[in-house]
Amino acid sequence: MSLFKKRKAVVQSIPEPFTVQDIRVESSICTGEKTIGFYDRSAHRLRYAELVRSEQDVLDFFAQYGETPDTETLRKLITD
């Protein structure tokens, strides 16, 4: 019996009204803190947002939903 088991990566489905094209990285005006999530056009805000500290966090966000960004999309998300 093992006390510390490695968890399997669970791939979530993309939330219903959103697509991969709705993924956006936004930066805080005050602190410069970056978050990634699905942009809700009707509410003008990010949904399911997570903190971004590095490029790996962006890749992990895509992997969480079973997607892989192409290099152009990744570059655009990181530099914005």
PDB file of N, CA and C in Angstrom:
ATOM      1  N   MET A   1       0.839  -1.167   0.000  1.00  0.00           N
ATOM      2  CA  MET A   1       0.000   0.000   0.000  1.00  0.00           C
ATOM      3  C   MET A   1       0.895   1.244   0.000  1.00  0.00           C
ATOM      4  N   SER A   2       0.554   2.166  -0.859  1.00  0.00           N
ATOM      5  CA  SER A   2       1.336   3.382  -0.973  1.00  0.00           C
ATOM      6  C   SER A   2       0.543   4.565  -0.442  1.00  0.00           C
ATOM      7  N   LEU A   3       1.167   5.360   0.392  1.00  0.00           N
ATOM      8  CA  LEU A   3       0.484   6.530   0.927  1.00  0.00           C
ATOM      9  C   LEU A   3       0.423   7.671  -0.083  1.00  0.00           C
ATOM     10  N   PHE A   4       1.462   7.769  -0.899  1.00  0.00           N
ATOM     11  CA  PHE A   4       1.535   8.862  -1.847  1.00  0.00           C
ATOM     12  C   PHE A   4       1.497   8.317  -3.262  1.00  0.00           C
ATOM     13  N   LYS A   5       0.326   8.324  -3.827  1.00  0.00           N
ATOM     14  CA  LYS A   5       0.166   7.827  -5.191  1.00  0.00           C
ATOM     15  C   LYS A   5       0.213   9.001  -6.157  1.00  0.00           C
ATOM     16  N   LYS A   6       0.806   8.759  -7.295  1.00  0.00           N
ATOM     17  CA  LYS A   6       0.846   9.782  -8.320  1.00  0.00           C
ATOM     18  C   LYS A   6      -0.530   9.847  -8.982  1.00  0.00           C
ATOM     19  N   ARG A   7      -1.078  11.030  -9.006  1.00  0.00           N
ATOM     20  CA  ARG A   7      -2.408  11.195  -9.601  1.00  0.00           C
ATOM     21  C   ARG A   7      -2.301  11.209 -11.118  1.00  0.00           C
ATOM     22  N   LYS A   8      -3.248  10.593 -11.734  1.00  0.00           N
ATOM     23  CA  LYS A   8      -3.299  10.613 -13.191  1.00  0.00           C
ATOM     24  C   LYS A   8      -3.862  11.960 -13.628  1.00  0.00           C
ATOM     25  N   ALA A   9      -3.331  12.456 -14.708  1.00  0.00           N
ATOM     26  CA  ALA A   9      -3.815  13.732 -15.241  1.00  0.00           C
ATOM     27  C   ALA A   9      -5.232  13.535 -15.784  1.00  0.00           C
ATOM     28  N   VAL A  10      -6.141  14.311 -15.259  1.00  0.00           N
ATOM     29  CA  VAL A  10      -7.529  14.230 -15.685  1.00  0.00           C
ATOM     30  C   VAL A  10      -7.763  15.311 -16.724  1.00  0.00           C
ATOM     31  N   VAL A  11      -8.194  14.883 -17.906  1.00  0.00           N
ATOM     32  CA  VAL A  11      -8.473  15.831 -18.975  1.00  0.00           C
ATOM     33  C   VAL A  11      -9.929  16.255 -18.861  1.00  0.00           C
ATOM     34  N   GLN A  12     -10.115  17.552 -18.674  1.00  0.00           N
ATOM     35  CA  GLN A  12     -11.465  18.091 -18.570  1.00  0.00           C
ATOM     36  C   GLN A  12     -11.953  18.490 -19.956  1.00  0.00           C
ATOM     37  N   SER A  13     -13.255  18.498 -20.116  1.00  0.00           N
ATOM     38  CA  SER A  13     -13.798  18.999 -21.374  1.00  0.00           C
ATOM     39  C   SER A  13     -13.902  20.519 -21.284  1.00  0.00           C
ATOM     40  N   ILE A  14     -13.805  21.165 -22.434  1.00  0.00           N
ATOM     41  CA  ILE A  14     -13.908  22.623 -22.467  1.00  0.00           C
ATOM     42  C   ILE A  14     -15.328  22.999 -22.075  1.00  0.00           C
ATOM     43  N   PRO A  15     -15.485  23.989 -21.186  1.00  0.00           N
ATOM     44  CA  PRO A  15     -16.826  24.395 -20.750  1.00  0.00           C
ATOM     45  C   PRO A  15     -17.725  24.738 -21.930  1.00  0.00           C
ATOM     46  N   GLU A  16     -18.992  24.491 -21.792  1.00  0.00           N
ATOM     47  CA  GLU A  16     -19.980  24.493 -22.872  1.00  0.00           C
ATOM     48  C   GLU A  16     -19.972  25.687 -23.830  1.00  0.00           C
ATOM     49  N   PRO A  17     -20.111  26.919 -23.409  1.00  0.00           N
ATOM     50  CA  PRO A  17     -20.227  27.960 -24.438  1.00  0.00           C
ATOM     51  C   PRO A  17     -18.885  28.375 -25.052  1.00  0.00           C
ATOM     52  N   PHE A  18     -17.766  27.788 -24.614  1.00  0.00           N
ATOM     53  CA  PHE A  18     -16.450  28.252 -25.035  1.00  0.00           C
ATOM     54  C   PHE A  18     -15.790  27.293 -26.016  1.00  0.00           C
ATOM     55  N   THR A  19     -14.787  27.822 -26.740  1.00  0.00           N
ATOM     56  CA  THR A  19     -13.957  27.029 -27.645  1.00  0.00           C
ATOM     57  C   THR A  19     -12.494  27.343 -27.333  1.00  0.00           C
ATOM     58  N   VAL A  20     -11.595  26.669 -28.014  1.00  0.00           N
ATOM     59  CA  VAL A  20     -10.167  26.913 -27.819  1.00  0.00           C
ATOM     60  C   VAL A  20      -9.811  28.348 -28.212  1.00  0.00           C
ATOM     61  N   GLN A  21     -10.510  28.899 -29.178  1.00  0.00           N
ATOM     62  CA  GLN A  21     -10.240  30.269 -29.620  1.00  0.00           C
ATOM     63  C   GLN A  21     -10.604  31.305 -28.555  1.00  0.00           C
ATOM     64  N   ASP A  22     -11.374  30.928 -27.554  1.00  0.00           N
ATOM     65  CA  ASP A  22     -11.762  31.855 -26.487  1.00  0.00           C
ATOM     66  C   ASP A  22     -10.729  31.949 -25.367  1.00  0.00           C
ATOM     67  N   ILE A  23      -9.646  31.172 -25.445  1.00  0.00           N
ATOM     68  CA  ILE A  23      -8.617  31.222 -24.408  1.00  0.00           C
ATOM     69  C   ILE A  23      -7.829  32.512 -24.565  1.00  0.00           C
ATOM     70  N   ARG A  24      -7.657  33.217 -23.443  1.00  0.00           N
ATOM     71  CA  ARG A  24      -6.979  34.512 -23.470  1.00  0.00           C
ATOM     72  C   ARG A  24      -6.162  34.681 -22.197  1.00  0.00           C
ATOM     73  N   VAL A  25      -5.030  35.380 -22.339  1.00  0.00           N
ATOM     74  CA  VAL A  25      -4.215  35.756 -21.190  1.00  0.00           C
ATOM     75  C   VAL A  25      -4.417  37.246 -20.973  1.00  0.00           C
ATOM     76  N   GLU A  26      -4.751  37.625 -19.744  1.00  0.00           N
ATOM     77  CA  GLU A  26      -4.922  39.035 -19.397  1.00  0.00           C
ATOM     78  C   GLU A  26      -3.942  39.402 -18.300  1.00  0.00           C
ATOM     79  N   SER A  27      -3.533  40.660 -18.306  1.00  0.00           N
ATOM     80  CA  SER A  27      -2.578  41.165 -17.328  1.00  0.00           C
ATOM     81  C   SER A  27      -3.236  42.247 -16.485  1.00  0.00           C
ATOM     82  N   SER A  28      -2.969  42.221 -15.185  1.00  0.00           N
ATOM     83  CA  SER A  28      -3.512  43.209 -14.263  1.00  0.00           C
ATOM     84  C   SER A  28      -2.846  44.565 -14.495  1.00  0.00           C
ATOM     85  N   ILE A  29      -3.626  45.609 -14.453  1.00  0.00           N
ATOM     86  CA  ILE A  29      -3.093  46.958 -14.625  1.00  0.00           C
ATOM     87  C   ILE A  29      -2.215  47.337 -13.426  1.00  0.00           C
ATOM     88  N   CYS A  30      -2.631  46.986 -12.245  1.00  0.00           N
ATOM     89  CA  CYS A  30      -1.918  47.398 -11.026  1.00  0.00           C
ATOM     90  C   CYS A  30      -0.639  46.599 -10.790  1.00  0.00           C
ATOM     91  N   THR A  31      -0.747  45.288 -10.795  1.00  0.00           N
ATOM     92  CA  THR A  31       0.378  44.452 -10.384  1.00  0.00           C
ATOM     93  C   THR A  31       1.099  43.777 -11.544  1.00  0.00           C
ATOM     94  N   GLY A  32       0.490  43.749 -12.721  1.00  0.00           N
ATOM     95  CA  GLY A  32       1.092  43.063 -13.856  1.00  0.00           C
ATOM     96  C   GLY A  32       0.903  41.562 -13.803  1.00  0.00           C
ATOM     97  N   GLU A  33       0.139  41.088 -12.829  1.00  0.00           N
ATOM     98  CA  GLU A  33      -0.127  39.660 -12.676  1.00  0.00           C
ATOM     99  C   GLU A  33      -0.925  39.160 -13.876  1.00  0.00           C
ATOM    100  N   LYS A  34      -0.510  38.025 -14.435  1.00  0.00           N
ATOM    101  CA  LYS A  34      -1.188  37.474 -15.612  1.00  0.00           C
ATOM    102  C   LYS A  34      -2.082  36.308 -15.214  1.00  0.00           C
ATOM    103  N   THR A  35      -3.244  36.235 -15.870  1.00  0.00           N
ATOM    104  CA  THR A  35      -4.169  35.123 -15.687  1.00  0.00           C
ATOM    105  C   THR A  35      -4.577  34.604 -17.048  1.00  0.00           C
ATOM    106  N   ILE A  36      -4.887  33.315 -17.122  1.00  0.00           N
ATOM    107  CA  ILE A  36      -5.353  32.697 -18.349  1.00  0.00           C
ATOM    108  C   ILE A  36      -6.725  32.103 -18.079  1.00  0.00           C
ATOM    109  N   GLY A  37      -7.579  32.143 -19.069  1.00  0.00           N
ATOM    110  CA  GLY A  37      -8.912  31.581 -18.920  1.00  0.00           C
ATOM    111  C   GLY A  37      -9.685  31.707 -20.215  1.00  0.00           C
ATOM    112  N   PHE A  38     -10.960  31.408 -20.162  1.00  0.00           N
ATOM    113  CA  PHE A  38     -11.845  31.516 -21.313  1.00  0.00           C
ATOM    114  C   PHE A  38     -12.537  32.874 -21.265  1.00  0.00           C
ATOM    115  N   TYR A  39     -12.400  33.662 -22.327  1.00  0.00           N
ATOM    116  CA  TYR A  39     -12.964  35.006 -22.357  1.00  0.00           C
ATOM    117  C   TYR A  39     -14.450  34.934 -22.688  1.00  0.00           C
ATOM    118  N   ASP A  40     -15.264  35.470 -21.785  1.00  0.00           N
ATOM    119  CA  ASP A  40     -16.715  35.531 -21.970  1.00  0.00           C
ATOM    120  C   ASP A  40     -17.045  36.885 -22.602  1.00  0.00           C
ATOM    121  N   ARG A  41     -17.427  36.876 -23.862  1.00  0.00           N
ATOM    122  CA  ARG A  41     -17.668  38.119 -24.596  1.00  0.00           C
ATOM    123  C   ARG A  41     -18.887  38.879 -24.084  1.00  0.00           C
ATOM    124  N   SER A  42     -19.871  38.185 -23.581  1.00  0.00           N
ATOM    125  CA  SER A  42     -21.060  38.883 -23.089  1.00  0.00           C
ATOM    126  C   SER A  42     -20.800  39.576 -21.752  1.00  0.00           C
ATOM    127  N   ALA A  43     -19.979  38.977 -20.890  1.00  0.00           N
ATOM    128  CA  ALA A  43     -19.678  39.565 -19.586  1.00  0.00           C
ATOM    129  C   ALA A  43     -18.372  40.366 -19.602  1.00  0.00           C
ATOM    130  N   HIS A  44     -17.590  40.244 -20.684  1.00  0.00           N
ATOM    131  CA  HIS A  44     -16.316  40.941 -20.826  1.00  0.00           C
ATOM    132  C   HIS A  44     -15.352  40.627 -19.690  1.00  0.00           C
ATOM    133  N   ARG A  45     -15.216  39.335 -19.373  1.00  0.00           N
ATOM    134  CA  ARG A  45     -14.289  38.906 -18.323  1.00  0.00           C
ATOM    135  C   ARG A  45     -13.852  37.471 -18.564  1.00  0.00           C
ATOM    136  N   LEU A  46     -12.809  37.072 -17.846  1.00  0.00           N
ATOM    137  CA  LEU A  46     -12.308  35.703 -17.947  1.00  0.00           C
ATOM    138  C   LEU A  46     -13.103  34.778 -17.048  1.00  0.00           C
ATOM    139  N   ARG A  47     -13.411  33.634 -17.566  1.00  0.00           N
ATOM    140  CA  ARG A  47     -14.043  32.564 -16.779  1.00  0.00           C
ATOM    141  C   ARG A  47     -13.034  31.432 -16.609  1.00  0.00           C
ATOM    142  N   TYR A  48     -13.119  30.710 -15.519  1.00  0.00           N
ATOM    143  CA  TYR A  48     -12.219  29.596 -15.212  1.00  0.00           C
ATOM    144  C   TYR A  48     -10.763  30.062 -15.241  1.00  0.00           C
ATOM    145  N   ALA A  49     -10.503  31.230 -14.683  1.00  0.00           N
ATOM    146  CA  ALA A  49      -9.179  31.850 -14.737  1.00  0.00           C
ATOM    147  C   ALA A  49      -8.199  31.185 -13.778  1.00  0.00           C
ATOM    148  N   GLU A  50      -6.946  31.127 -14.203  1.00  0.00           N
ATOM    149  CA  GLU A  50      -5.855  30.595 -13.390  1.00  0.00           C
ATOM    150  C   GLU A  50      -4.655  31.524 -13.516  1.00  0.00           C
ATOM    151  N   LEU A  51      -3.834  31.562 -12.495  1.00  0.00           N
ATOM    152  CA  LEU A  51      -2.649  32.404 -12.462  1.00  0.00           C
ATOM    153  C   LEU A  51      -1.579  31.869 -13.407  1.00  0.00           C
ATOM    154  N   VAL A  52      -0.912  32.776 -14.129  1.00  0.00           N
ATOM    155  CA  VAL A  52       0.176  32.408 -15.029  1.00  0.00           C
ATOM    156  C   VAL A  52       1.468  33.003 -14.491  1.00  0.00           C
ATOM    157  N   ARG A  53       2.422  32.142 -14.183  1.00  0.00           N
ATOM    158  CA  ARG A  53       3.730  32.604 -13.724  1.00  0.00           C
ATOM    159  C   ARG A  53       4.802  32.365 -14.771  1.00  0.00           C
ATOM    160  N   SER A  54       4.558  31.395 -15.662  1.00  0.00           N
ATOM    161  CA  SER A  54       5.549  31.080 -16.692  1.00  0.00           C
ATOM    162  C   SER A  54       4.837  30.510 -17.918  1.00  0.00           C
ATOM    163  N   GLU A  55       5.621  30.278 -18.947  1.00  0.00           N
ATOM    164  CA  GLU A  55       5.085  29.678 -20.169  1.00  0.00           C
ATOM    165  C   GLU A  55       4.542  28.277 -19.885  1.00  0.00           C
ATOM    166  N   GLN A  56       5.145  27.578 -18.949  1.00  0.00           N
ATOM    167  CA  GLN A  56       4.693  26.230 -18.593  1.00  0.00           C
ATOM    168  C   GLN A  56       3.270  26.244 -18.045  1.00  0.00           C
ATOM    169  N   ASP A  57       2.897  27.284 -17.324  1.00  0.00           N
ATOM    170  CA  ASP A  57       1.528  27.396 -16.818  1.00  0.00           C
ATOM    171  C   ASP A  57       0.519  27.484 -17.959  1.00  0.00           C
ATOM    172  N   VAL A  58       0.894  28.174 -19.031  1.00  0.00           N
ATOM    173  CA  VAL A  58       0.016  28.264 -20.202  1.00  0.00           C
ATOM    174  C   VAL A  58      -0.118  26.893 -20.860  1.00  0.00           C
ATOM    175  N   LEU A  59       1.000  26.188 -21.000  1.00  0.00           N
ATOM    176  CA  LEU A  59       0.958  24.843 -21.579  1.00  0.00           C
ATOM    177  C   LEU A  59       0.133  23.890 -20.711  1.00  0.00           C
ATOM    178  N   ASP A  60       0.267  24.017 -19.394  1.00  0.00           N
ATOM    179  CA  ASP A  60      -0.513  23.180 -18.474  1.00  0.00           C
ATOM    180  C   ASP A  60      -2.005  23.464 -18.580  1.00  0.00           C
ATOM    181  N   PHE A  61      -2.374  24.731 -18.790  1.00  0.00           N
ATOM    182  CA  PHE A  61      -3.784  25.096 -18.935  1.00  0.00           C
ATOM    183  C   PHE A  61      -4.374  24.421 -20.182  1.00  0.00           C
ATOM    184  N   PHE A  62      -3.641  24.467 -21.282  1.00  0.00           N
ATOM    185  CA  PHE A  62      -4.101  23.808 -22.498  1.00  0.00           C
ATOM    186  C   PHE A  62      -4.189  22.296 -22.299  1.00  0.00           C
ATOM    187  N   ALA A  63      -3.178  21.715 -21.645  1.00  0.00           N
ATOM    188  CA  ALA A  63      -3.161  20.268 -21.416  1.00  0.00           C
ATOM    189  C   ALA A  63      -4.309  19.839 -20.518  1.00  0.00           C
ATOM    190  N   GLN A  64      -4.704  20.695 -19.595  1.00  0.00           N
ATOM    191  CA  GLN A  64      -5.817  20.396 -18.690  1.00  0.00           C
ATOM    192  C   GLN A  64      -7.102  20.145 -19.475  1.00  0.00           C
ATOM    193  N   TYR A  65      -7.228  20.800 -20.627  1.00  0.00           N
ATOM    194  CA  TYR A  65      -8.411  20.629 -21.468  1.00  0.00           C
ATOM    195  C   TYR A  65      -8.134  19.774 -22.700  1.00  0.00           C
ATOM    196  N   GLY A  66      -7.008  19.069 -22.704  1.00  0.00           N
ATOM    197  CA  GLY A  66      -6.691  18.136 -23.781  1.00  0.00           C
ATOM    198  C   GLY A  66      -6.309  18.799 -25.087  1.00  0.00           C
ATOM    199  N   GLU A  67      -5.783  19.996 -25.028  1.00  0.00           N
ATOM    200  CA  GLU A  67      -5.392  20.734 -26.223  1.00  0.00           C
ATOM    201  C   GLU A  67      -3.903  21.041 -26.176  1.00  0.00           C
ATOM    202  N   THR A  68      -3.320  21.317 -27.333  1.00  0.00           N
ATOM    203  CA  THR A  68      -1.939  21.777 -27.408  1.00  0.00           C
ATOM    204  C   THR A  68      -1.910  23.004 -28.313  1.00  0.00           C
ATOM    205  N   PRO A  69      -1.356  24.106 -27.819  1.00  0.00           N
ATOM    206  CA  PRO A  69      -1.315  25.305 -28.654  1.00  0.00           C
ATOM    207  C   PRO A  69      -0.206  25.204 -29.690  1.00  0.00           C
ATOM    208  N   ASP A  70      -0.453  25.758 -30.877  1.00  0.00           N
ATOM    209  CA  ASP A  70       0.636  25.838 -31.844  1.00  0.00           C
ATOM    210  C   ASP A  70       1.575  26.960 -31.407  1.00  0.00           C
ATOM    211  N   THR A  71       2.752  27.024 -31.987  1.00  0.00           N
ATOM    212  CA  THR A  71       3.766  27.970 -31.525  1.00  0.00           C
ATOM    213  C   THR A  71       3.326  29.420 -31.723  1.00  0.00           C
ATOM    214  N   GLU A  72       2.590  29.713 -32.787  1.00  0.00           N
ATOM    215  CA  GLU A  72       2.134  31.075 -33.021  1.00  0.00           C
ATOM    216  C   GLU A  72       1.137  31.513 -31.955  1.00  0.00           C
ATOM    217  N   THR A  73       0.200  30.645 -31.607  1.00  0.00           N
ATOM    218  CA  THR A  73      -0.783  30.952 -30.563  1.00  0.00           C
ATOM    219  C   THR A  73      -0.095  31.137 -29.225  1.00  0.00           C
ATOM    220  N   LEU A  74       0.851  30.268 -28.915  1.00  0.00           N
ATOM    221  CA  LEU A  74       1.576  30.359 -27.655  1.00  0.00           C
ATOM    222  C   LEU A  74       2.352  31.666 -27.580  1.00  0.00           C
ATOM    223  N   ARG A  75       3.032  32.030 -28.648  1.00  0.00           N
ATOM    224  CA  ARG A  75       3.785  33.285 -28.670  1.00  0.00           C
ATOM    225  C   ARG A  75       2.857  34.480 -28.478  1.00  0.00           C
ATOM    226  N   LYS A  76       1.701  34.454 -29.125  1.00  0.00           N
ATOM    227  CA  LYS A  76       0.752  35.544 -29.004  1.00  0.00           C
ATOM    228  C   LYS A  76       0.212  35.661 -27.570  1.00  0.00           C
ATOM    229  N   LEU A  77      -0.085  34.526 -26.943  1.00  0.00           N
ATOM    230  CA  LEU A  77      -0.618  34.552 -25.585  1.00  0.00           C
ATOM    231  C   LEU A  77       0.420  35.055 -24.579  1.00  0.00           C
ATOM    232  N   ILE A  78       1.665  34.684 -24.761  1.00  0.00           N
ATOM    233  CA  ILE A  78       2.705  35.064 -23.816  1.00  0.00           C
ATOM    234  C   ILE A  78       3.087  36.539 -23.953  1.00  0.00           C
ATOM    235  N   THR A  79       3.147  37.057 -25.170  1.00  0.00           N
ATOM    236  CA  THR A  79       3.610  38.430 -25.373  1.00  0.00           C
ATOM    237  C   THR A  79       2.530  39.474 -25.152  1.00  0.00           C
ATOM    238  N   ASP A  80       1.271  39.108 -25.184  1.00  0.00           N
ATOM    239  CA  ASP A  80       0.189  40.098 -24.991  1.00  0.00           C
ATOM    240  C   ASP A  80       0.116  40.589 -23.579  1.00  0.00           C
TER     241      ASP A  80
END
